[in-house]
Amino acid sequence: MAQFNIGDNAVYAGSGVGRIIAIETKELCGIKQTFYRFQLFNSNVSALVPVNSSESKLRPIISKDEANRVVSIVRRKDIKIDKQTWNRRYREYMEKIKTGSVYEIAEVFRDLYLLRGEKELSHGEKKMLELARGYLFRELQLSIGEANMKTEEDMVRYIESAE
């Protein structure tokens, strides 16, 4: 079970990357429970995540080795893009994003990025591509280092130039 401290960066499944800003104990229905207060980066949104069930919702930022695996997933071009209708593809991709798995989010980003080169994306797919790009960017930025990746364009260049 991952234990977090105040100031730790983490990923909240389906919501994105942020930081543990407090550990609070609250009484709910007569039962005392401890929570992580999780603040999303670049947002005023925070959430209380129960410590005793946090492993299903929060995970640590990936390591540099895991970041390299993410880059290799995104760089793969020899994949067959699903030609199903955009709304089926949208539902399937949203399920992957909601898992919080950086590897599944990388697949969504890659597939939509490649599909964008073949045809016009629907409005929903465009928004999903931007969502996946934002999740990947912030997590890769934290695992690789902010000095190497200041913008999302830096992330795309990093992915395209990685060996």
N, C-alpha and C. Protein backbone atom coordinates (compact mmCIF):
# COMPACT_ATOMS: atom_id res chain seq x y z
N MET A 1 0.84 -1.18 0.00
CA MET A 1 0.00 0.00 0.00
C MET A 1 0.89 1.24 0.00
N ALA A 2 0.65 2.12 -0.97
CA ALA A 2 1.44 3.34 -1.08
C ALA A 2 1.05 4.30 0.05
N GLN A 3 2.03 4.77 0.75
CA GLN A 3 1.81 5.78 1.78
C GLN A 3 2.35 7.10 1.25
N PHE A 4 1.57 8.13 1.37
CA PHE A 4 1.96 9.44 0.89
C PHE A 4 2.18 10.37 2.06
N ASN A 5 3.04 11.34 1.84
CA ASN A 5 3.30 12.40 2.81
C ASN A 5 2.87 13.73 2.22
N ILE A 6 2.68 14.71 3.08
CA ILE A 6 2.36 16.05 2.61
C ILE A 6 3.48 16.51 1.69
N GLY A 7 3.09 17.03 0.52
CA GLY A 7 4.06 17.50 -0.47
C GLY A 7 4.37 16.49 -1.55
N ASP A 8 3.95 15.23 -1.38
CA ASP A 8 4.20 14.21 -2.41
C ASP A 8 3.31 14.47 -3.62
N ASN A 9 3.90 14.27 -4.80
CA ASN A 9 3.13 14.31 -6.04
C ASN A 9 2.51 12.94 -6.25
N ALA A 10 1.33 12.93 -6.86
CA ALA A 10 0.63 11.67 -7.10
C ALA A 10 -0.32 11.85 -8.27
N VAL A 11 -0.87 10.72 -8.72
CA VAL A 11 -1.87 10.72 -9.78
C VAL A 11 -3.18 10.21 -9.18
N TYR A 12 -4.24 10.97 -9.37
CA TYR A 12 -5.57 10.59 -8.92
C TYR A 12 -6.30 10.04 -10.14
N ALA A 13 -6.60 8.75 -10.13
CA ALA A 13 -7.19 8.07 -11.30
C ALA A 13 -8.39 8.84 -11.84
N GLY A 14 -8.34 9.10 -13.13
CA GLY A 14 -9.44 9.77 -13.81
C GLY A 14 -9.48 11.27 -13.65
N SER A 15 -8.59 11.82 -12.83
CA SER A 15 -8.60 13.27 -12.60
C SER A 15 -7.30 13.95 -12.97
N GLY A 16 -6.18 13.28 -12.78
CA GLY A 16 -4.92 13.87 -13.18
C GLY A 16 -3.87 13.89 -12.09
N VAL A 17 -2.89 14.75 -12.32
CA VAL A 17 -1.70 14.83 -11.48
C VAL A 17 -1.84 15.99 -10.51
N GLY A 18 -1.40 15.75 -9.28
CA GLY A 18 -1.47 16.79 -8.27
C GLY A 18 -0.56 16.48 -7.11
N ARG A 19 -0.87 17.09 -5.98
CA ARG A 19 0.00 16.99 -4.80
C ARG A 19 -0.86 16.76 -3.56
N ILE A 20 -0.30 15.99 -2.64
CA ILE A 20 -0.93 15.81 -1.33
C ILE A 20 -0.62 17.08 -0.54
N ILE A 21 -1.67 17.83 -0.18
CA ILE A 21 -1.44 19.10 0.51
C ILE A 21 -1.73 19.03 2.00
N ALA A 22 -2.40 17.94 2.42
CA ALA A 22 -2.68 17.78 3.84
C ALA A 22 -3.11 16.34 4.11
N ILE A 23 -2.97 15.96 5.35
CA ILE A 23 -3.52 14.69 5.83
C ILE A 23 -4.44 15.07 6.99
N GLU A 24 -5.71 14.75 6.83
CA GLU A 24 -6.73 15.21 7.77
C GLU A 24 -7.51 14.04 8.34
N THR A 25 -7.92 14.20 9.58
CA THR A 25 -8.80 13.22 10.20
C THR A 25 -10.16 13.88 10.39
N LYS A 26 -11.18 13.20 9.92
CA LYS A 26 -12.54 13.73 10.02
C LYS A 26 -13.43 12.63 10.59
N GLU A 27 -14.50 13.06 11.24
CA GLU A 27 -15.47 12.11 11.75
C GLU A 27 -16.69 12.13 10.84
N LEU A 28 -17.00 10.96 10.29
CA LEU A 28 -18.15 10.81 9.42
C LEU A 28 -19.04 9.71 9.98
N CYS A 29 -20.27 10.03 10.25
CA CYS A 29 -21.22 9.05 10.81
C CYS A 29 -20.67 8.40 12.07
N GLY A 30 -20.01 9.17 12.89
CA GLY A 30 -19.48 8.66 14.14
C GLY A 30 -18.19 7.86 14.01
N ILE A 31 -17.63 7.76 12.82
CA ILE A 31 -16.40 7.00 12.60
C ILE A 31 -15.30 7.97 12.17
N LYS A 32 -14.17 7.93 12.90
CA LYS A 32 -13.03 8.76 12.53
C LYS A 32 -12.30 8.10 11.37
N GLN A 33 -11.99 8.91 10.38
CA GLN A 33 -11.29 8.42 9.20
C GLN A 33 -10.22 9.43 8.80
N THR A 34 -9.10 8.91 8.28
CA THR A 34 -8.00 9.77 7.84
C THR A 34 -8.04 9.89 6.32
N PHE A 35 -7.81 11.11 5.84
CA PHE A 35 -7.88 11.40 4.42
C PHE A 35 -6.63 12.13 3.95
N TYR A 36 -6.27 11.89 2.69
CA TYR A 36 -5.30 12.74 2.00
C TYR A 36 -6.11 13.85 1.34
N ARG A 37 -5.68 15.09 1.51
CA ARG A 37 -6.27 16.19 0.73
C ARG A 37 -5.38 16.33 -0.50
N PHE A 38 -5.96 16.03 -1.65
CA PHE A 38 -5.25 16.01 -2.92
C PHE A 38 -5.65 17.23 -3.74
N GLN A 39 -4.67 18.01 -4.17
CA GLN A 39 -4.91 19.22 -4.97
C GLN A 39 -4.39 18.99 -6.38
N LEU A 40 -5.29 19.11 -7.37
CA LEU A 40 -4.86 18.99 -8.76
C LEU A 40 -3.99 20.17 -9.14
N PHE A 41 -2.94 19.92 -9.93
CA PHE A 41 -2.09 21.01 -10.41
C PHE A 41 -2.90 21.92 -11.33
N ASN A 42 -2.58 23.20 -11.32
CA ASN A 42 -3.20 24.19 -12.18
C ASN A 42 -4.73 24.22 -12.04
N SER A 43 -5.19 24.01 -10.82
CA SER A 43 -6.63 23.98 -10.59
C SER A 43 -6.90 24.29 -9.13
N ASN A 44 -8.10 24.76 -8.87
CA ASN A 44 -8.52 24.97 -7.49
C ASN A 44 -9.23 23.74 -6.94
N VAL A 45 -9.27 22.68 -7.74
CA VAL A 45 -9.98 21.46 -7.36
C VAL A 45 -9.14 20.64 -6.40
N SER A 46 -9.75 20.27 -5.27
CA SER A 46 -9.10 19.35 -4.35
C SER A 46 -10.10 18.27 -3.98
N ALA A 47 -9.57 17.15 -3.52
CA ALA A 47 -10.43 16.02 -3.15
C ALA A 47 -9.90 15.41 -1.87
N LEU A 48 -10.80 14.84 -1.10
CA LEU A 48 -10.42 14.07 0.08
C LEU A 48 -10.43 12.60 -0.33
N VAL A 49 -9.29 11.94 -0.17
CA VAL A 49 -9.16 10.53 -0.55
C VAL A 49 -8.89 9.74 0.72
N PRO A 50 -9.77 8.80 1.07
CA PRO A 50 -9.54 8.01 2.28
C PRO A 50 -8.20 7.27 2.21
N VAL A 51 -7.41 7.39 3.26
CA VAL A 51 -6.10 6.74 3.30
C VAL A 51 -6.24 5.24 3.18
N ASN A 52 -7.25 4.66 3.84
CA ASN A 52 -7.38 3.21 3.84
C ASN A 52 -7.84 2.61 2.51
N SER A 53 -8.29 3.44 1.56
CA SER A 53 -8.64 2.92 0.24
C SER A 53 -7.96 3.70 -0.87
N SER A 54 -6.88 4.38 -0.51
CA SER A 54 -6.22 5.25 -1.49
C SER A 54 -5.52 4.48 -2.60
N GLU A 55 -5.11 3.22 -2.34
CA GLU A 55 -4.36 2.49 -3.36
C GLU A 55 -5.17 2.28 -4.63
N SER A 56 -6.49 2.32 -4.55
CA SER A 56 -7.30 2.16 -5.76
C SER A 56 -7.52 3.48 -6.48
N LYS A 57 -7.20 4.59 -5.81
CA LYS A 57 -7.46 5.90 -6.40
C LYS A 57 -6.19 6.72 -6.66
N LEU A 58 -5.21 6.59 -5.79
CA LEU A 58 -3.96 7.37 -5.90
C LEU A 58 -2.79 6.44 -6.19
N ARG A 59 -1.90 6.94 -7.03
CA ARG A 59 -0.65 6.21 -7.25
C ARG A 59 0.49 7.21 -7.34
N PRO A 60 1.71 6.74 -7.02
CA PRO A 60 2.86 7.63 -7.12
C PRO A 60 3.17 8.00 -8.57
N ILE A 61 3.90 9.07 -8.75
CA ILE A 61 4.40 9.46 -10.08
C ILE A 61 5.34 8.36 -10.57
N ILE A 62 5.33 8.11 -11.86
CA ILE A 62 6.18 7.05 -12.42
C ILE A 62 7.66 7.41 -12.31
N SER A 63 8.49 6.36 -12.33
CA SER A 63 9.94 6.54 -12.29
C SER A 63 10.45 6.92 -13.68
N LYS A 64 11.72 7.26 -13.76
CA LYS A 64 12.34 7.60 -15.05
C LYS A 64 12.31 6.40 -15.99
N ASP A 65 12.53 5.20 -15.46
CA ASP A 65 12.46 3.98 -16.29
C ASP A 65 11.06 3.77 -16.82
N GLU A 66 10.06 3.98 -15.97
CA GLU A 66 8.67 3.85 -16.42
C GLU A 66 8.34 4.92 -17.45
N ALA A 67 8.90 6.11 -17.29
CA ALA A 67 8.69 7.18 -18.27
C ALA A 67 9.25 6.77 -19.63
N ASN A 68 10.39 6.09 -19.63
CA ASN A 68 10.95 5.60 -20.89
C ASN A 68 10.03 4.58 -21.54
N ARG A 69 9.38 3.74 -20.74
CA ARG A 69 8.41 2.77 -21.27
C ARG A 69 7.21 3.50 -21.88
N VAL A 70 6.76 4.56 -21.22
CA VAL A 70 5.65 5.37 -21.75
C VAL A 70 6.04 5.96 -23.10
N VAL A 71 7.25 6.49 -23.18
CA VAL A 71 7.72 7.07 -24.43
C VAL A 71 7.74 6.02 -25.54
N SER A 72 8.18 4.81 -25.21
CA SER A 72 8.22 3.76 -26.23
C SER A 72 6.80 3.38 -26.69
N ILE A 73 5.82 3.42 -25.80
CA ILE A 73 4.43 3.16 -26.20
C ILE A 73 3.95 4.23 -27.17
N VAL A 74 4.21 5.48 -26.84
CA VAL A 74 3.75 6.60 -27.68
C VAL A 74 4.46 6.59 -29.03
N ARG A 75 5.70 6.19 -29.06
CA ARG A 75 6.48 6.22 -30.30
C ARG A 75 6.11 5.11 -31.28
N ARG A 76 5.44 4.06 -30.80
CA ARG A 76 5.08 2.95 -31.71
C ARG A 76 4.14 3.45 -32.79
N LYS A 77 4.51 3.20 -34.01
CA LYS A 77 3.69 3.62 -35.15
C LYS A 77 3.09 2.42 -35.88
N ASP A 78 3.53 1.22 -35.53
CA ASP A 78 3.11 0.01 -36.22
C ASP A 78 1.87 -0.61 -35.59
N ILE A 79 0.96 0.23 -35.17
CA ILE A 79 -0.26 -0.26 -34.53
C ILE A 79 -1.43 -0.08 -35.49
N LYS A 80 -2.42 -0.90 -35.31
CA LYS A 80 -3.63 -0.82 -36.14
C LYS A 80 -4.65 0.02 -35.37
N ILE A 81 -5.00 1.15 -35.94
CA ILE A 81 -5.97 2.04 -35.29
C ILE A 81 -7.37 1.50 -35.54
N ASP A 82 -8.13 1.43 -34.47
CA ASP A 82 -9.50 0.92 -34.54
C ASP A 82 -10.35 1.85 -35.40
N LYS A 83 -11.01 1.30 -36.39
CA LYS A 83 -11.83 2.10 -37.31
C LYS A 83 -13.31 2.11 -36.93
N GLN A 84 -13.62 1.74 -35.67
CA GLN A 84 -15.01 1.78 -35.24
C GLN A 84 -15.51 3.21 -35.19
N THR A 85 -16.80 3.39 -34.97
CA THR A 85 -17.37 4.73 -34.96
C THR A 85 -16.73 5.56 -33.84
N TRP A 86 -16.71 6.87 -34.05
CA TRP A 86 -16.02 7.75 -33.11
C TRP A 86 -16.59 7.63 -31.70
N ASN A 87 -17.91 7.42 -31.56
CA ASN A 87 -18.49 7.39 -30.20
C ASN A 87 -18.12 6.10 -29.47
N ARG A 88 -17.96 4.98 -30.18
CA ARG A 88 -17.47 3.75 -29.53
C ARG A 88 -16.02 3.92 -29.11
N ARG A 89 -15.24 4.49 -30.02
CA ARG A 89 -13.83 4.72 -29.74
C ARG A 89 -13.72 5.67 -28.53
N TYR A 90 -14.56 6.69 -28.49
CA TYR A 90 -14.56 7.65 -27.39
C TYR A 90 -14.82 6.95 -26.05
N ARG A 91 -15.84 6.10 -26.01
CA ARG A 91 -16.16 5.38 -24.76
C ARG A 91 -14.99 4.48 -24.34
N GLU A 92 -14.42 3.76 -25.30
CA GLU A 92 -13.30 2.87 -24.99
C GLU A 92 -12.11 3.66 -24.45
N TYR A 93 -11.80 4.77 -25.08
CA TYR A 93 -10.66 5.59 -24.66
C TYR A 93 -10.92 6.25 -23.30
N MET A 94 -12.18 6.66 -23.06
CA MET A 94 -12.48 7.27 -21.76
C MET A 94 -12.31 6.25 -20.64
N GLU A 95 -12.67 5.01 -20.88
CA GLU A 95 -12.46 3.96 -19.88
C GLU A 95 -10.97 3.81 -19.57
N LYS A 96 -10.14 3.88 -20.58
CA LYS A 96 -8.69 3.77 -20.38
C LYS A 96 -8.18 4.96 -19.56
N ILE A 97 -8.66 6.15 -19.88
CA ILE A 97 -8.21 7.33 -19.15
C ILE A 97 -8.64 7.26 -17.68
N LYS A 98 -9.86 6.80 -17.43
CA LYS A 98 -10.38 6.72 -16.07
C LYS A 98 -9.61 5.76 -15.18
N THR A 99 -8.90 4.79 -15.78
CA THR A 99 -8.11 3.85 -14.97
C THR A 99 -6.97 4.56 -14.26
N GLY A 100 -6.50 5.67 -14.84
CA GLY A 100 -5.36 6.37 -14.26
C GLY A 100 -4.03 5.75 -14.64
N SER A 101 -4.05 4.65 -15.40
CA SER A 101 -2.82 3.99 -15.83
C SER A 101 -2.11 4.85 -16.88
N VAL A 102 -0.91 5.23 -16.59
CA VAL A 102 -0.16 6.06 -17.52
C VAL A 102 0.08 5.34 -18.83
N TYR A 103 0.16 4.02 -18.78
CA TYR A 103 0.38 3.25 -20.01
C TYR A 103 -0.87 3.26 -20.89
N GLU A 104 -2.03 3.15 -20.28
CA GLU A 104 -3.26 3.21 -21.07
C GLU A 104 -3.51 4.62 -21.61
N ILE A 105 -3.18 5.63 -20.81
CA ILE A 105 -3.31 7.01 -21.28
C ILE A 105 -2.35 7.26 -22.43
N ALA A 106 -1.16 6.69 -22.36
CA ALA A 106 -0.19 6.81 -23.45
C ALA A 106 -0.73 6.18 -24.73
N GLU A 107 -1.42 5.05 -24.60
CA GLU A 107 -2.02 4.40 -25.78
C GLU A 107 -3.11 5.29 -26.38
N VAL A 108 -3.94 5.89 -25.54
CA VAL A 108 -4.99 6.78 -26.03
C VAL A 108 -4.36 7.96 -26.77
N PHE A 109 -3.35 8.57 -26.16
CA PHE A 109 -2.68 9.71 -26.79
C PHE A 109 -2.11 9.30 -28.14
N ARG A 110 -1.38 8.18 -28.18
CA ARG A 110 -0.76 7.70 -29.41
C ARG A 110 -1.81 7.44 -30.49
N ASP A 111 -2.85 6.70 -30.13
CA ASP A 111 -3.87 6.34 -31.12
C ASP A 111 -4.55 7.57 -31.71
N LEU A 112 -4.93 8.51 -30.85
CA LEU A 112 -5.59 9.72 -31.34
C LEU A 112 -4.63 10.62 -32.11
N TYR A 113 -3.39 10.66 -31.68
CA TYR A 113 -2.37 11.46 -32.38
C TYR A 113 -2.16 10.93 -33.79
N LEU A 114 -2.09 9.59 -33.91
CA LEU A 114 -1.93 8.97 -35.23
C LEU A 114 -3.21 9.13 -36.07
N LEU A 115 -4.37 8.94 -35.44
CA LEU A 115 -5.64 9.06 -36.15
C LEU A 115 -5.82 10.48 -36.69
N ARG A 116 -5.36 11.45 -35.94
CA ARG A 116 -5.46 12.85 -36.35
C ARG A 116 -4.76 13.10 -37.68
N GLY A 117 -3.70 12.33 -37.94
CA GLY A 117 -2.99 12.45 -39.21
C GLY A 117 -3.73 11.83 -40.38
N GLU A 118 -4.70 10.96 -40.09
CA GLU A 118 -5.45 10.26 -41.13
C GLU A 118 -6.79 10.92 -41.44
N LYS A 119 -7.42 11.50 -40.41
CA LYS A 119 -8.75 12.07 -40.61
C LYS A 119 -9.01 13.14 -39.57
N GLU A 120 -10.06 13.88 -39.80
CA GLU A 120 -10.48 14.90 -38.85
C GLU A 120 -11.06 14.22 -37.62
N LEU A 121 -10.57 14.59 -36.43
CA LEU A 121 -11.12 14.04 -35.20
C LEU A 121 -12.43 14.73 -34.85
N SER A 122 -13.32 14.00 -34.21
CA SER A 122 -14.55 14.62 -33.71
C SER A 122 -14.18 15.60 -32.60
N HIS A 123 -15.12 16.45 -32.24
CA HIS A 123 -14.87 17.41 -31.16
C HIS A 123 -14.50 16.68 -29.87
N GLY A 124 -15.23 15.61 -29.55
CA GLY A 124 -14.95 14.83 -28.34
C GLY A 124 -13.56 14.21 -28.37
N GLU A 125 -13.16 13.70 -29.54
CA GLU A 125 -11.83 13.09 -29.66
C GLU A 125 -10.73 14.14 -29.51
N LYS A 126 -10.97 15.33 -30.04
CA LYS A 126 -9.99 16.41 -29.89
C LYS A 126 -9.80 16.75 -28.42
N LYS A 127 -10.91 16.86 -27.70
CA LYS A 127 -10.84 17.17 -26.27
C LYS A 127 -10.14 16.04 -25.51
N MET A 128 -10.41 14.80 -25.89
CA MET A 128 -9.78 13.66 -25.25
C MET A 128 -8.28 13.63 -25.53
N LEU A 129 -7.88 13.96 -26.75
CA LEU A 129 -6.46 14.04 -27.09
C LEU A 129 -5.77 15.07 -26.21
N GLU A 130 -6.40 16.22 -26.03
CA GLU A 130 -5.82 17.26 -25.17
C GLU A 130 -5.77 16.82 -23.70
N LEU A 131 -6.80 16.10 -23.26
CA LEU A 131 -6.82 15.59 -21.89
C LEU A 131 -5.67 14.60 -21.68
N ALA A 132 -5.53 13.64 -22.59
CA ALA A 132 -4.45 12.65 -22.49
C ALA A 132 -3.08 13.34 -22.57
N ARG A 133 -2.96 14.33 -23.45
CA ARG A 133 -1.70 15.07 -23.59
C ARG A 133 -1.35 15.76 -22.27
N GLY A 134 -2.34 16.39 -21.65
CA GLY A 134 -2.10 17.09 -20.38
C GLY A 134 -1.69 16.14 -19.27
N TYR A 135 -2.38 14.99 -19.15
CA TYR A 135 -2.02 14.02 -18.12
C TYR A 135 -0.59 13.51 -18.33
N LEU A 136 -0.28 13.15 -19.58
CA LEU A 136 1.07 12.62 -19.87
C LEU A 136 2.13 13.68 -19.62
N PHE A 137 1.85 14.90 -20.10
CA PHE A 137 2.84 15.97 -19.96
C PHE A 137 3.23 16.18 -18.50
N ARG A 138 2.26 16.36 -17.65
CA ARG A 138 2.58 16.68 -16.25
C ARG A 138 3.31 15.54 -15.56
N GLU A 139 2.90 14.30 -15.84
CA GLU A 139 3.56 13.18 -15.19
C GLU A 139 4.96 12.97 -15.75
N LEU A 140 5.12 13.08 -17.06
CA LEU A 140 6.47 12.94 -17.64
C LEU A 140 7.37 14.09 -17.18
N GLN A 141 6.80 15.26 -17.07
CA GLN A 141 7.57 16.41 -16.60
C GLN A 141 8.11 16.17 -15.19
N LEU A 142 7.28 15.60 -14.32
CA LEU A 142 7.72 15.34 -12.95
C LEU A 142 8.70 14.18 -12.86
N SER A 143 8.54 13.16 -13.72
CA SER A 143 9.43 12.00 -13.62
C SER A 143 10.75 12.22 -14.35
N ILE A 144 10.73 12.96 -15.45
CA ILE A 144 11.96 13.19 -16.22
C ILE A 144 12.69 14.42 -15.72
N GLY A 145 11.94 15.40 -15.31
CA GLY A 145 12.53 16.63 -14.80
C GLY A 145 12.02 17.84 -15.54
N GLU A 146 11.59 18.83 -14.77
CA GLU A 146 11.01 20.03 -15.37
C GLU A 146 12.00 20.81 -16.22
N ALA A 147 13.29 20.68 -15.92
CA ALA A 147 14.30 21.40 -16.70
C ALA A 147 14.33 20.89 -18.14
N ASN A 148 14.01 19.60 -18.33
CA ASN A 148 14.02 19.01 -19.67
C ASN A 148 12.71 19.18 -20.41
N MET A 149 11.66 19.56 -19.71
CA MET A 149 10.34 19.58 -20.32
C MET A 149 9.51 20.71 -19.72
N LYS A 150 9.55 21.87 -20.35
CA LYS A 150 8.84 23.03 -19.81
C LYS A 150 7.44 23.18 -20.43
N THR A 151 7.26 22.72 -21.66
CA THR A 151 5.97 22.87 -22.33
C THR A 151 5.52 21.53 -22.91
N GLU A 152 4.26 21.48 -23.32
CA GLU A 152 3.76 20.26 -23.96
C GLU A 152 4.46 20.01 -25.28
N GLU A 153 4.87 21.09 -25.95
CA GLU A 153 5.63 20.93 -27.20
C GLU A 153 6.98 20.26 -26.91
N ASP A 154 7.59 20.61 -25.77
CA ASP A 154 8.83 19.94 -25.36
C ASP A 154 8.60 18.45 -25.19
N MET A 155 7.41 18.09 -24.64
CA MET A 155 7.11 16.67 -24.45
C MET A 155 7.02 15.96 -25.79
N VAL A 156 6.33 16.56 -26.75
CA VAL A 156 6.19 15.94 -28.07
C VAL A 156 7.58 15.80 -28.71
N ARG A 157 8.41 16.83 -28.62
CA ARG A 157 9.78 16.75 -29.17
C ARG A 157 10.58 15.67 -28.46
N TYR A 158 10.44 15.58 -27.15
CA TYR A 158 11.15 14.56 -26.37
C TYR A 158 10.74 13.16 -26.83
N ILE A 159 9.43 12.96 -26.98
CA ILE A 159 8.93 11.65 -27.40
C ILE A 159 9.42 11.32 -28.81
N GLU A 160 9.36 12.29 -29.70
CA GLU A 160 9.75 12.03 -31.08
C GLU A 160 11.25 11.83 -31.24
N SER A 161 12.05 12.41 -30.35
CA SER A 161 13.51 12.29 -30.48
C SER A 161 14.09 11.17 -29.63
N ALA A 162 13.31 10.58 -28.74
CA ALA A 162 13.82 9.53 -27.86
C ALA A 162 14.25 8.31 -28.65
N GLU A 163 15.29 7.68 -28.20
CA GLU A 163 15.79 6.47 -28.88
C GLU A 163 15.28 5.24 -28.20
